[in-house]
Amino acid sequence: DGGINFSLFSRHATQVWLELYDEPADA
């Protein structure tokens, strides 16, 4: 639907961050 859905498994995590990068070596 005009974008991307991201889904990740973690049972014991308290918080998750999704990061988007422009280049492979970006810090």
mmCIF file of all heavy atoms, coordinates in Angstrom:
data_MODEL
# 
_entry.id   MODEL 
# 
loop_
_atom_site.group_PDB 
_atom_site.id 
_atom_site.type_symbol 
_atom_site.label_atom_id 
_atom_site.label_alt_id 
_atom_site.label_comp_id 
_atom_site.label_asym_id 
_atom_site.label_entity_id 
_atom_site.label_seq_id 
_atom_site.pdbx_PDB_ins_code 
_atom_site.Cartn_x 
_atom_site.Cartn_y 
_atom_site.Cartn_z 
_atom_site.occupancy 
_atom_site.B_iso_or_equiv 
_atom_site.pdbx_formal_charge 
_atom_site.auth_seq_id 
_atom_site.auth_comp_id 
_atom_site.auth_asym_id 
_atom_site.auth_atom_id 
_atom_site.pdbx_PDB_model_num 
ATOM 1   N N   . ASP A 1 1  ? 0.807  -1.218  0.000  1.00 0.00 ? 1  ASP A N   1 
ATOM 2   C CA  . ASP A 1 1  ? 0.000  0.000   0.000  1.00 0.00 ? 1  ASP A CA  1 
ATOM 3   C C   . ASP A 1 1  ? 0.848  1.280   0.000  1.00 0.00 ? 1  ASP A C   1 
ATOM 4   O O   . ASP A 1 1  ? 0.640  2.186   0.804  1.00 0.00 ? 1  ASP A O   1 
ATOM 5   C CB  . ASP A 1 1  ? -0.944 -0.004  1.207  1.00 0.00 ? 1  ASP A CB  1 
ATOM 6   C CG  . ASP A 1 1  ? -2.073 1.014   1.057  1.00 0.00 ? 1  ASP A CG  1 
ATOM 7   O OD1 . ASP A 1 1  ? -2.398 1.361   -0.098 1.00 0.00 ? 1  ASP A OD1 1 
ATOM 8   O OD2 . ASP A 1 1  ? -2.617 1.456   2.093  1.00 0.00 ? 1  ASP A OD2 1 
ATOM 9   N N   . GLY A 1 2  ? 1.815  1.352   -0.917 1.00 0.00 ? 2  GLY A N   1 
ATOM 10  C CA  . GLY A 1 2  ? 2.598  2.571   -1.052 1.00 0.00 ? 2  GLY A CA  1 
ATOM 11  C C   . GLY A 1 2  ? 3.668  2.755   -0.007 1.00 0.00 ? 2  GLY A C   1 
ATOM 12  O O   . GLY A 1 2  ? 4.188  3.867   0.163  1.00 0.00 ? 2  GLY A O   1 
ATOM 13  N N   . GLY A 1 3  ? 4.031  1.713   0.672  1.00 0.00 ? 3  GLY A N   1 
ATOM 14  C CA  . GLY A 1 3  ? 5.085  1.793   1.682  1.00 0.00 ? 3  GLY A CA  1 
ATOM 15  C C   . GLY A 1 3  ? 5.600  0.407   2.003  1.00 0.00 ? 3  GLY A C   1 
ATOM 16  O O   . GLY A 1 3  ? 5.409  -0.538  1.238  1.00 0.00 ? 3  GLY A O   1 
ATOM 17  N N   . ILE A 1 4  ? 6.256  0.293   3.132  1.00 0.00 ? 4  ILE A N   1 
ATOM 18  C CA  . ILE A 1 4  ? 6.810  -0.992  3.547  1.00 0.00 ? 4  ILE A CA  1 
ATOM 19  C C   . ILE A 1 4  ? 6.444  -1.235  5.001  1.00 0.00 ? 4  ILE A C   1 
ATOM 20  O O   . ILE A 1 4  ? 6.603  -0.364  5.866  1.00 0.00 ? 4  ILE A O   1 
ATOM 21  C CB  . ILE A 1 4  ? 8.338  -1.030  3.366  1.00 0.00 ? 4  ILE A CB  1 
ATOM 22  C CG1 . ILE A 1 4  ? 8.689  -0.888  1.879  1.00 0.00 ? 4  ILE A CG1 1 
ATOM 23  C CG2 . ILE A 1 4  ? 8.921  -2.333  3.917  1.00 0.00 ? 4  ILE A CG2 1 
ATOM 24  C CD1 . ILE A 1 4  ? 10.175 -0.799  1.609  1.00 0.00 ? 4  ILE A CD1 1 
ATOM 25  N N   . ASN A 1 5  ? 5.948  -2.443  5.266  1.00 0.00 ? 5  ASN A N   1 
ATOM 26  C CA  . ASN A 1 5  ? 5.679  -2.883  6.626  1.00 0.00 ? 5  ASN A CA  1 
ATOM 27  C C   . ASN A 1 5  ? 6.872  -3.680  7.130  1.00 0.00 ? 5  ASN A C   1 
ATOM 28  O O   . ASN A 1 5  ? 7.412  -4.531  6.430  1.00 0.00 ? 5  ASN A O   1 
ATOM 29  C CB  . ASN A 1 5  ? 4.427  -3.752  6.669  1.00 0.00 ? 5  ASN A CB  1 
ATOM 30  C CG  . ASN A 1 5  ? 3.983  -4.053  8.084  1.00 0.00 ? 5  ASN A CG  1 
ATOM 31  O OD1 . ASN A 1 5  ? 3.333  -3.227  8.727  1.00 0.00 ? 5  ASN A OD1 1 
ATOM 32  N ND2 . ASN A 1 5  ? 4.331  -5.240  8.587  1.00 0.00 ? 5  ASN A ND2 1 
ATOM 33  N N   . PHE A 1 6  ? 7.291  -3.377  8.340  1.00 0.00 ? 6  PHE A N   1 
ATOM 34  C CA  . PHE A 1 6  ? 8.398  -4.091  8.968  1.00 0.00 ? 6  PHE A CA  1 
ATOM 35  C C   . PHE A 1 6  ? 7.865  -4.829  10.191 1.00 0.00 ? 6  PHE A C   1 
ATOM 36  O O   . PHE A 1 6  ? 7.119  -4.253  10.991 1.00 0.00 ? 6  PHE A O   1 
ATOM 37  C CB  . PHE A 1 6  ? 9.498  -3.121  9.409  1.00 0.00 ? 6  PHE A CB  1 
ATOM 38  C CG  . PHE A 1 6  ? 10.139 -2.369  8.284  1.00 0.00 ? 6  PHE A CG  1 
ATOM 39  C CD1 . PHE A 1 6  ? 9.586  -1.172  7.824  1.00 0.00 ? 6  PHE A CD1 1 
ATOM 40  C CD2 . PHE A 1 6  ? 11.298 -2.831  7.686  1.00 0.00 ? 6  PHE A CD2 1 
ATOM 41  C CE1 . PHE A 1 6  ? 10.183 -0.462  6.793  1.00 0.00 ? 6  PHE A CE1 1 
ATOM 42  C CE2 . PHE A 1 6  ? 11.905 -2.123  6.650  1.00 0.00 ? 6  PHE A CE2 1 
ATOM 43  C CZ  . PHE A 1 6  ? 11.348 -0.938  6.198  1.00 0.00 ? 6  PHE A CZ  1 
ATOM 44  N N   . SER A 1 7  ? 8.281  -6.083  10.365 1.00 0.00 ? 7  SER A N   1 
ATOM 45  C CA  . SER A 1 7  ? 7.855  -6.854  11.531 1.00 0.00 ? 7  SER A CA  1 
ATOM 46  C C   . SER A 1 7  ? 9.029  -7.684  12.031 1.00 0.00 ? 7  SER A C   1 
ATOM 47  O O   . SER A 1 7  ? 9.751  -8.306  11.242 1.00 0.00 ? 7  SER A O   1 
ATOM 48  C CB  . SER A 1 7  ? 6.675  -7.766  11.188 1.00 0.00 ? 7  SER A CB  1 
ATOM 49  O OG  . SER A 1 7  ? 6.252  -8.495  12.328 1.00 0.00 ? 7  SER A OG  1 
ATOM 50  N N   . LEU A 1 8  ? 9.216  -7.700  13.333 1.00 0.00 ? 8  LEU A N   1 
ATOM 51  C CA  . LEU A 1 8  ? 10.379 -8.322  13.965 1.00 0.00 ? 8  LEU A CA  1 
ATOM 52  C C   . LEU A 1 8  ? 9.936  -9.058  15.223 1.00 0.00 ? 8  LEU A C   1 
ATOM 53  O O   . LEU A 1 8  ? 9.112  -8.558  15.997 1.00 0.00 ? 8  LEU A O   1 
ATOM 54  C CB  . LEU A 1 8  ? 11.396 -7.231  14.333 1.00 0.00 ? 8  LEU A CB  1 
ATOM 55  C CG  . LEU A 1 8  ? 12.698 -7.675  14.998 1.00 0.00 ? 8  LEU A CG  1 
ATOM 56  C CD1 . LEU A 1 8  ? 13.632 -8.292  13.952 1.00 0.00 ? 8  LEU A CD1 1 
ATOM 57  C CD2 . LEU A 1 8  ? 13.370 -6.489  15.687 1.00 0.00 ? 8  LEU A CD2 1 
ATOM 58  N N   . PHE A 1 9  ? 10.520 -10.238 15.455 1.00 0.00 ? 9  PHE A N   1 
ATOM 59  C CA  . PHE A 1 9  ? 10.222 -10.992 16.676 1.00 0.00 ? 9  PHE A CA  1 
ATOM 60  C C   . PHE A 1 9  ? 11.206 -10.647 17.791 1.00 0.00 ? 9  PHE A C   1 
ATOM 61  O O   . PHE A 1 9  ? 12.412 -10.621 17.580 1.00 0.00 ? 9  PHE A O   1 
ATOM 62  C CB  . PHE A 1 9  ? 10.301 -12.497 16.415 1.00 0.00 ? 9  PHE A CB  1 
ATOM 63  C CG  . PHE A 1 9  ? 10.293 -13.321 17.689 1.00 0.00 ? 9  PHE A CG  1 
ATOM 64  C CD1 . PHE A 1 9  ? 9.090  -13.685 18.288 1.00 0.00 ? 9  PHE A CD1 1 
ATOM 65  C CD2 . PHE A 1 9  ? 11.487 -13.706 18.300 1.00 0.00 ? 9  PHE A CD2 1 
ATOM 66  C CE1 . PHE A 1 9  ? 9.083  -14.418 19.467 1.00 0.00 ? 9  PHE A CE1 1 
ATOM 67  C CE2 . PHE A 1 9  ? 11.480 -14.441 19.479 1.00 0.00 ? 9  PHE A CE2 1 
ATOM 68  C CZ  . PHE A 1 9  ? 10.279 -14.796 20.061 1.00 0.00 ? 9  PHE A CZ  1 
ATOM 69  N N   . SER A 1 10 ? 10.693 -10.386 18.975 1.00 0.00 ? 10 SER A N   1 
ATOM 70  C CA  . SER A 1 10 ? 11.493 -10.362 20.199 1.00 0.00 ? 10 SER A CA  1 
ATOM 71  C C   . SER A 1 10 ? 10.547 -10.462 21.390 1.00 0.00 ? 10 SER A C   1 
ATOM 72  O O   . SER A 1 10 ? 9.691  -9.590  21.590 1.00 0.00 ? 10 SER A O   1 
ATOM 73  C CB  . SER A 1 10 ? 12.352 -9.098  20.313 1.00 0.00 ? 10 SER A CB  1 
ATOM 74  O OG  . SER A 1 10 ? 13.127 -9.163  21.502 1.00 0.00 ? 10 SER A OG  1 
ATOM 75  N N   . ARG A 1 11 ? 10.715 -11.517 22.148 1.00 0.00 ? 11 ARG A N   1 
ATOM 76  C CA  . ARG A 1 11 ? 9.829  -11.742 23.292 1.00 0.00 ? 11 ARG A CA  1 
ATOM 77  C C   . ARG A 1 11 ? 10.238 -10.925 24.501 1.00 0.00 ? 11 ARG A C   1 
ATOM 78  O O   . ARG A 1 11 ? 9.392  -10.423 25.251 1.00 0.00 ? 11 ARG A O   1 
ATOM 79  C CB  . ARG A 1 11 ? 9.824  -13.235 23.648 1.00 0.00 ? 11 ARG A CB  1 
ATOM 80  C CG  . ARG A 1 11 ? 8.980  -13.606 24.873 1.00 0.00 ? 11 ARG A CG  1 
ATOM 81  C CD  . ARG A 1 11 ? 8.793  -15.096 24.975 1.00 0.00 ? 11 ARG A CD  1 
ATOM 82  N NE  . ARG A 1 11 ? 8.087  -15.589 23.789 1.00 0.00 ? 11 ARG A NE  1 
ATOM 83  C CZ  . ARG A 1 11 ? 7.958  -16.882 23.476 1.00 0.00 ? 11 ARG A CZ  1 
ATOM 84  N NH1 . ARG A 1 11 ? 8.506  -17.808 24.243 1.00 0.00 ? 11 ARG A NH1 1 
ATOM 85  N NH2 . ARG A 1 11 ? 7.295  -17.239 22.398 1.00 0.00 ? 11 ARG A NH2 1 
ATOM 86  N N   . HIS A 1 12 ? 11.544 -10.783 24.726 1.00 0.00 ? 12 HIS A N   1 
ATOM 87  C CA  . HIS A 1 12 ? 12.016 -10.173 25.964 1.00 0.00 ? 12 HIS A CA  1 
ATOM 88  C C   . HIS A 1 12 ? 12.475 -8.730  25.791 1.00 0.00 ? 12 HIS A C   1 
ATOM 89  O O   . HIS A 1 12 ? 12.951 -8.117  26.749 1.00 0.00 ? 12 HIS A O   1 
ATOM 90  C CB  . HIS A 1 12 ? 13.159 -11.012 26.551 1.00 0.00 ? 12 HIS A CB  1 
ATOM 91  C CG  . HIS A 1 12 ? 12.740 -12.395 26.948 1.00 0.00 ? 12 HIS A CG  1 
ATOM 92  N ND1 . HIS A 1 12 ? 12.983 -13.513 26.169 1.00 0.00 ? 12 HIS A ND1 1 
ATOM 93  C CD2 . HIS A 1 12 ? 12.064 -12.840 28.030 1.00 0.00 ? 12 HIS A CD2 1 
ATOM 94  C CE1 . HIS A 1 12 ? 12.503 -14.586 26.770 1.00 0.00 ? 12 HIS A CE1 1 
ATOM 95  N NE2 . HIS A 1 12 ? 11.936 -14.206 27.898 1.00 0.00 ? 12 HIS A NE2 1 
ATOM 96  N N   . ALA A 1 13 ? 12.326 -8.161  24.589 1.00 0.00 ? 13 ALA A N   1 
ATOM 97  C CA  . ALA A 1 13 ? 12.716 -6.766  24.375 1.00 0.00 ? 13 ALA A CA  1 
ATOM 98  C C   . ALA A 1 13 ? 11.752 -5.828  25.089 1.00 0.00 ? 13 ALA A C   1 
ATOM 99  O O   . ALA A 1 13 ? 10.567 -6.137  25.285 1.00 0.00 ? 13 ALA A O   1 
ATOM 100 C CB  . ALA A 1 13 ? 12.739 -6.452  22.885 1.00 0.00 ? 13 ALA A CB  1 
ATOM 101 N N   . THR A 1 14 ? 12.284 -4.659  25.455 1.00 0.00 ? 14 THR A N   1 
ATOM 102 C CA  . THR A 1 14 ? 11.438 -3.619  26.050 1.00 0.00 ? 14 THR A CA  1 
ATOM 103 C C   . THR A 1 14 ? 11.177 -2.479  25.073 1.00 0.00 ? 14 THR A C   1 
ATOM 104 O O   . THR A 1 14 ? 10.217 -1.726  25.243 1.00 0.00 ? 14 THR A O   1 
ATOM 105 C CB  . THR A 1 14 ? 12.098 -3.058  27.321 1.00 0.00 ? 14 THR A CB  1 
ATOM 106 O OG1 . THR A 1 14 ? 13.414 -2.576  26.994 1.00 0.00 ? 14 THR A OG1 1 
ATOM 107 C CG2 . THR A 1 14 ? 12.194 -4.137  28.394 1.00 0.00 ? 14 THR A CG2 1 
ATOM 108 N N   . GLN A 1 15 ? 12.046 -2.348  24.065 1.00 0.00 ? 15 GLN A N   1 
ATOM 109 C CA  . GLN A 1 15 ? 11.845 -1.316  23.053 1.00 0.00 ? 15 GLN A CA  1 
ATOM 110 C C   . GLN A 1 15 ? 12.646 -1.683  21.806 1.00 0.00 ? 15 GLN A C   1 
ATOM 111 O O   . GLN A 1 15 ? 13.700 -2.327  21.889 1.00 0.00 ? 15 GLN A O   1 
ATOM 112 C CB  . GLN A 1 15 ? 12.276 0.070   23.549 1.00 0.00 ? 15 GLN A CB  1 
ATOM 113 C CG  . GLN A 1 15 ? 11.838 1.205   22.632 1.00 0.00 ? 15 GLN A CG  1 
ATOM 114 C CD  . GLN A 1 15 ? 12.019 2.574   23.263 1.00 0.00 ? 15 GLN A CD  1 
ATOM 115 O OE1 . GLN A 1 15 ? 12.392 2.696   24.420 1.00 0.00 ? 15 GLN A OE1 1 
ATOM 116 N NE2 . GLN A 1 15 ? 11.744 3.611   22.489 1.00 0.00 ? 15 GLN A NE2 1 
ATOM 117 N N   . VAL A 1 16 ? 12.137 -1.263  20.648 1.00 0.00 ? 16 VAL A N   1 
ATOM 118 C CA  . VAL A 1 16 ? 12.778 -1.547  19.367 1.00 0.00 ? 16 VAL A CA  1 
ATOM 119 C C   . VAL A 1 16 ? 12.840 -0.261  18.558 1.00 0.00 ? 16 VAL A C   1 
ATOM 120 O O   . VAL A 1 16 ? 11.900 0.546   18.580 1.00 0.00 ? 16 VAL A O   1 
ATOM 121 C CB  . VAL A 1 16 ? 11.998 -2.634  18.582 1.00 0.00 ? 16 VAL A CB  1 
ATOM 122 C CG1 . VAL A 1 16 ? 12.571 -2.803  17.180 1.00 0.00 ? 16 VAL A CG1 1 
ATOM 123 C CG2 . VAL A 1 16 ? 12.012 -3.956  19.333 1.00 0.00 ? 16 VAL A CG2 1 
ATOM 124 N N   . TRP A 1 17 ? 13.955 -0.053  17.861 1.00 0.00 ? 17 TRP A N   1 
ATOM 125 C CA  . TRP A 1 17 ? 14.084 1.074   16.942 1.00 0.00 ? 17 TRP A CA  1 
ATOM 126 C C   . TRP A 1 17 ? 14.346 0.534   15.538 1.00 0.00 ? 17 TRP A C   1 
ATOM 127 O O   . TRP A 1 17 ? 15.213 -0.342  15.340 1.00 0.00 ? 17 TRP A O   1 
ATOM 128 C CB  . TRP A 1 17 ? 15.242 1.986   17.321 1.00 0.00 ? 17 TRP A CB  1 
ATOM 129 C CG  . TRP A 1 17 ? 15.057 2.733   18.601 1.00 0.00 ? 17 TRP A CG  1 
ATOM 130 C CD1 . TRP A 1 17 ? 14.553 3.985   18.763 1.00 0.00 ? 17 TRP A CD1 1 
ATOM 131 C CD2 . TRP A 1 17 ? 15.415 2.275   19.910 1.00 0.00 ? 17 TRP A CD2 1 
ATOM 132 N NE1 . TRP A 1 17 ? 14.553 4.346   20.086 1.00 0.00 ? 17 TRP A NE1 1 
ATOM 133 C CE2 . TRP A 1 17 ? 15.076 3.313   20.823 1.00 0.00 ? 17 TRP A CE2 1 
ATOM 134 C CE3 . TRP A 1 17 ? 15.969 1.099   20.410 1.00 0.00 ? 17 TRP A CE3 1 
ATOM 135 C CZ2 . TRP A 1 17 ? 15.298 3.202   22.189 1.00 0.00 ? 17 TRP A CZ2 1 
ATOM 136 C CZ3 . TRP A 1 17 ? 16.181 0.985   21.772 1.00 0.00 ? 17 TRP A CZ3 1 
ATOM 137 C CH2 . TRP A 1 17 ? 15.848 2.021   22.647 1.00 0.00 ? 17 TRP A CH2 1 
ATOM 138 N N   . LEU A 1 18 ? 13.625 1.056   14.570 1.00 0.00 ? 18 LEU A N   1 
ATOM 139 C CA  . LEU A 1 18 ? 13.898 0.791   13.163 1.00 0.00 ? 18 LEU A CA  1 
ATOM 140 C C   . LEU A 1 18 ? 14.672 1.969   12.611 1.00 0.00 ? 18 LEU A C   1 
ATOM 141 O O   . LEU A 1 18 ? 14.254 3.125   12.773 1.00 0.00 ? 18 LEU A O   1 
ATOM 142 C CB  . LEU A 1 18 ? 12.595 0.617   12.380 1.00 0.00 ? 18 LEU A CB  1 
ATOM 143 C CG  . LEU A 1 18 ? 12.726 0.608   10.849 1.00 0.00 ? 18 LEU A CG  1 
ATOM 144 C CD1 . LEU A 1 18 ? 13.437 -0.655  10.370 1.00 0.00 ? 18 LEU A CD1 1 
ATOM 145 C CD2 . LEU A 1 18 ? 11.354 0.747   10.191 1.00 0.00 ? 18 LEU A CD2 1 
ATOM 146 N N   . GLU A 1 19 ? 15.816 1.705   11.951 1.00 0.00 ? 19 GLU A N   1 
ATOM 147 C CA  . GLU A 1 19 ? 16.620 2.769   11.384 1.00 0.00 ? 19 GLU A CA  1 
ATOM 148 C C   . GLU A 1 19 ? 16.721 2.590   9.871  1.00 0.00 ? 19 GLU A C   1 
ATOM 149 O O   . GLU A 1 19 ? 16.950 1.480   9.373  1.00 0.00 ? 19 GLU A O   1 
ATOM 150 C CB  . GLU A 1 19 ? 18.026 2.779   11.999 1.00 0.00 ? 19 GLU A CB  1 
ATOM 151 C CG  . GLU A 1 19 ? 18.000 3.115   13.479 1.00 0.00 ? 19 GLU A CG  1 
ATOM 152 C CD  . GLU A 1 19 ? 19.377 3.316   14.077 1.00 0.00 ? 19 GLU A CD  1 
ATOM 153 O OE1 . GLU A 1 19 ? 20.370 2.863   13.469 1.00 0.00 ? 19 GLU A OE1 1 
ATOM 154 O OE2 . GLU A 1 19 ? 19.456 3.930   15.161 1.00 0.00 ? 19 GLU A OE2 1 
ATOM 155 N N   . LEU A 1 20 ? 16.557 3.702   9.144  1.00 0.00 ? 20 LEU A N   1 
ATOM 156 C CA  . LEU A 1 20 ? 16.658 3.714   7.687  1.00 0.00 ? 20 LEU A CA  1 
ATOM 157 C C   . LEU A 1 20 ? 17.939 4.421   7.282  1.00 0.00 ? 20 LEU A C   1 
ATOM 158 O O   . LEU A 1 20 ? 18.238 5.521   7.780  1.00 0.00 ? 20 LEU A O   1 
ATOM 159 C CB  . LEU A 1 20 ? 15.456 4.427   7.070  1.00 0.00 ? 20 LEU A CB  1 
ATOM 160 C CG  . LEU A 1 20 ? 14.071 3.896   7.463  1.00 0.00 ? 20 LEU A CG  1 
ATOM 161 C CD1 . LEU A 1 20 ? 12.988 4.694   6.743  1.00 0.00 ? 20 LEU A CD1 1 
ATOM 162 C CD2 . LEU A 1 20 ? 13.946 2.415   7.148  1.00 0.00 ? 20 LEU A CD2 1 
ATOM 163 N N   . TYR A 1 21 ? 18.692 3.800   6.382  1.00 0.00 ? 21 TYR A N   1 
ATOM 164 C CA  . TYR A 1 21 ? 19.991 4.324   5.964  1.00 0.00 ? 21 TYR A CA  1 
ATOM 165 C C   . TYR A 1 21 ? 19.999 4.617   4.467  1.00 0.00 ? 21 TYR A C   1 
ATOM 166 O O   . TYR A 1 21 ? 19.267 3.989   3.695  1.00 0.00 ? 21 TYR A O   1 
ATOM 167 C CB  . TYR A 1 21 ? 21.102 3.321   6.294  1.00 0.00 ? 21 TYR A CB  1 
ATOM 168 C CG  . TYR A 1 21 ? 21.400 3.203   7.765  1.00 0.00 ? 21 TYR A CG  1 
ATOM 169 C CD1 . TYR A 1 21 ? 20.647 2.366   8.590  1.00 0.00 ? 21 TYR A CD1 1 
ATOM 170 C CD2 . TYR A 1 21 ? 22.434 3.937   8.333  1.00 0.00 ? 21 TYR A CD2 1 
ATOM 171 C CE1 . TYR A 1 21 ? 20.918 2.261   9.945  1.00 0.00 ? 21 TYR A CE1 1 
ATOM 172 C CE2 . TYR A 1 21 ? 22.710 3.845   9.696  1.00 0.00 ? 21 TYR A CE2 1 
ATOM 173 C CZ  . TYR A 1 21 ? 21.954 3.007   10.491 1.00 0.00 ? 21 TYR A CZ  1 
ATOM 174 O OH  . TYR A 1 21 ? 22.227 2.914   11.834 1.00 0.00 ? 21 TYR A OH  1 
ATOM 175 N N   . ASP A 1 22 ? 20.879 5.557   4.094  1.00 0.00 ? 22 ASP A N   1 
ATOM 176 C CA  . ASP A 1 22 ? 21.051 5.899   2.685  1.00 0.00 ? 22 ASP A CA  1 
ATOM 177 C C   . ASP A 1 22 ? 22.161 5.087   2.029  1.00 0.00 ? 22 ASP A C   1 
ATOM 178 O O   . ASP A 1 22 ? 22.042 4.672   0.880  1.00 0.00 ? 22 ASP A O   1 
ATOM 179 C CB  . ASP A 1 22 ? 21.373 7.390   2.527  1.00 0.00 ? 22 ASP A CB  1 
ATOM 180 C CG  . ASP A 1 22 ? 20.201 8.276   2.903  1.00 0.00 ? 22 ASP A CG  1 
ATOM 181 O OD1 . ASP A 1 22 ? 19.043 7.813   2.773  1.00 0.00 ? 22 ASP A OD1 1 
ATOM 182 O OD2 . ASP A 1 22 ? 20.437 9.416   3.340  1.00 0.00 ? 22 ASP A OD2 1 
ATOM 183 N N   . GLU A 1 23 ? 23.270 4.851   2.761  1.00 0.00 ? 23 GLU A N   1 
ATOM 184 C CA  . GLU A 1 23 ? 24.431 4.180   2.204  1.00 0.00 ? 23 GLU A CA  1 
ATOM 185 C C   . GLU A 1 23 ? 24.892 3.066   3.137  1.00 0.00 ? 23 GLU A C   1 
ATOM 186 O O   . GLU A 1 23 ? 24.720 3.163   4.362  1.00 0.00 ? 23 GLU A O   1 
ATOM 187 C CB  . GLU A 1 23 ? 25.584 5.174   1.981  1.00 0.00 ? 23 GLU A CB  1 
ATOM 188 C CG  . GLU A 1 23 ? 25.253 6.308   1.019  1.00 0.00 ? 23 GLU A CG  1 
ATOM 189 C CD  . GLU A 1 23 ? 25.016 5.819   -0.397 1.00 0.00 ? 23 GLU A CD  1 
ATOM 190 O OE1 . GLU A 1 23 ? 25.535 4.723   -0.740 1.00 0.00 ? 23 GLU A OE1 1 
ATOM 191 O OE2 . GLU A 1 23 ? 24.329 6.529   -1.163 1.00 0.00 ? 23 GLU A OE2 1 
ATOM 192 N N   . PRO A 1 24 ? 25.541 2.042   2.588  1.00 0.00 ? 24 PRO A N   1 
ATOM 193 C CA  . PRO A 1 24 ? 25.953 0.906   3.414  1.00 0.00 ? 24 PRO A CA  1 
ATOM 194 C C   . PRO A 1 24 ? 26.900 1.262   4.552  1.00 0.00 ? 24 PRO A C   1 
ATOM 195 O O   . PRO A 1 24 ? 26.839 0.646   5.620  1.00 0.00 ? 24 PRO A O   1 
ATOM 196 C CB  . PRO A 1 24 ? 26.640 -0.031  2.406  1.00 0.00 ? 24 PRO A CB  1 
ATOM 197 C CG  . PRO A 1 24 ? 26.019 0.301   1.091  1.00 0.00 ? 24 PRO A CG  1 
ATOM 198 C CD  . PRO A 1 24 ? 25.764 1.773   1.144  1.00 0.00 ? 24 PRO A CD  1 
ATOM 199 N N   . ALA A 1 25 ? 27.790 2.229   4.353  1.00 0.00 ? 25 ALA A N   1 
ATOM 200 C CA  . ALA A 1 25 ? 28.788 2.550   5.373  1.00 0.00 ? 25 ALA A CA  1 
ATOM 201 C C   . ALA A 1 25 ? 28.354 3.698   6.284  1.00 0.00 ? 25 ALA A C   1 
ATOM 202 O O   . ALA A 1 25 ? 29.163 4.177   7.095  1.00 0.00 ? 25 ALA A O   1 
ATOM 203 C CB  . ALA A 1 25 ? 30.123 2.882   4.714  1.00 0.00 ? 25 ALA A CB  1 
ATOM 204 N N   . ASP A 1 26 ? 27.118 4.151   6.183  1.00 0.00 ? 26 ASP A N   1 
ATOM 205 C CA  . ASP A 1 26 ? 26.661 5.241   7.043  1.00 0.00 ? 26 ASP A CA  1 
ATOM 206 C C   . ASP A 1 26 ? 26.707 4.832   8.509  1.00 0.00 ? 26 ASP A C   1 
ATOM 207 O O   . ASP A 1 26 ? 26.304 3.722   8.881  1.00 0.00 ? 26 ASP A O   1 
ATOM 208 C CB  . ASP A 1 26 ? 25.226 5.635   6.687  1.00 0.00 ? 26 ASP A CB  1 
ATOM 209 C CG  . ASP A 1 26 ? 25.153 6.476   5.418  1.00 0.00 ? 26 ASP A CG  1 
ATOM 210 O OD1 . ASP A 1 26 ? 26.216 6.871   4.917  1.00 0.00 ? 26 ASP A OD1 1 
ATOM 211 O OD2 . ASP A 1 26 ? 24.027 6.710   4.938  1.00 0.00 ? 26 ASP A OD2 1 
ATOM 212 N N   . ALA A 1 27 ? 27.187 5.757   9.349  1.00 0.00 ? 27 ALA A N   1 
ATOM 213 C CA  . ALA A 1 27 ? 27.238 5.508   10.789 1.00 0.00 ? 27 ALA A CA  1 
ATOM 214 C C   . ALA A 1 27 ? 25.957 5.939   11.482 1.00 0.00 ? 27 ALA A C   1 
ATOM 215 O O   . ALA A 1 27 ? 25.645 5.459   12.584 1.00 0.00 ? 27 ALA A O   1 
ATOM 216 C CB  . ALA A 1 27 ? 28.429 6.238   11.410 1.00 0.00 ? 27 ALA A CB  1 
# 
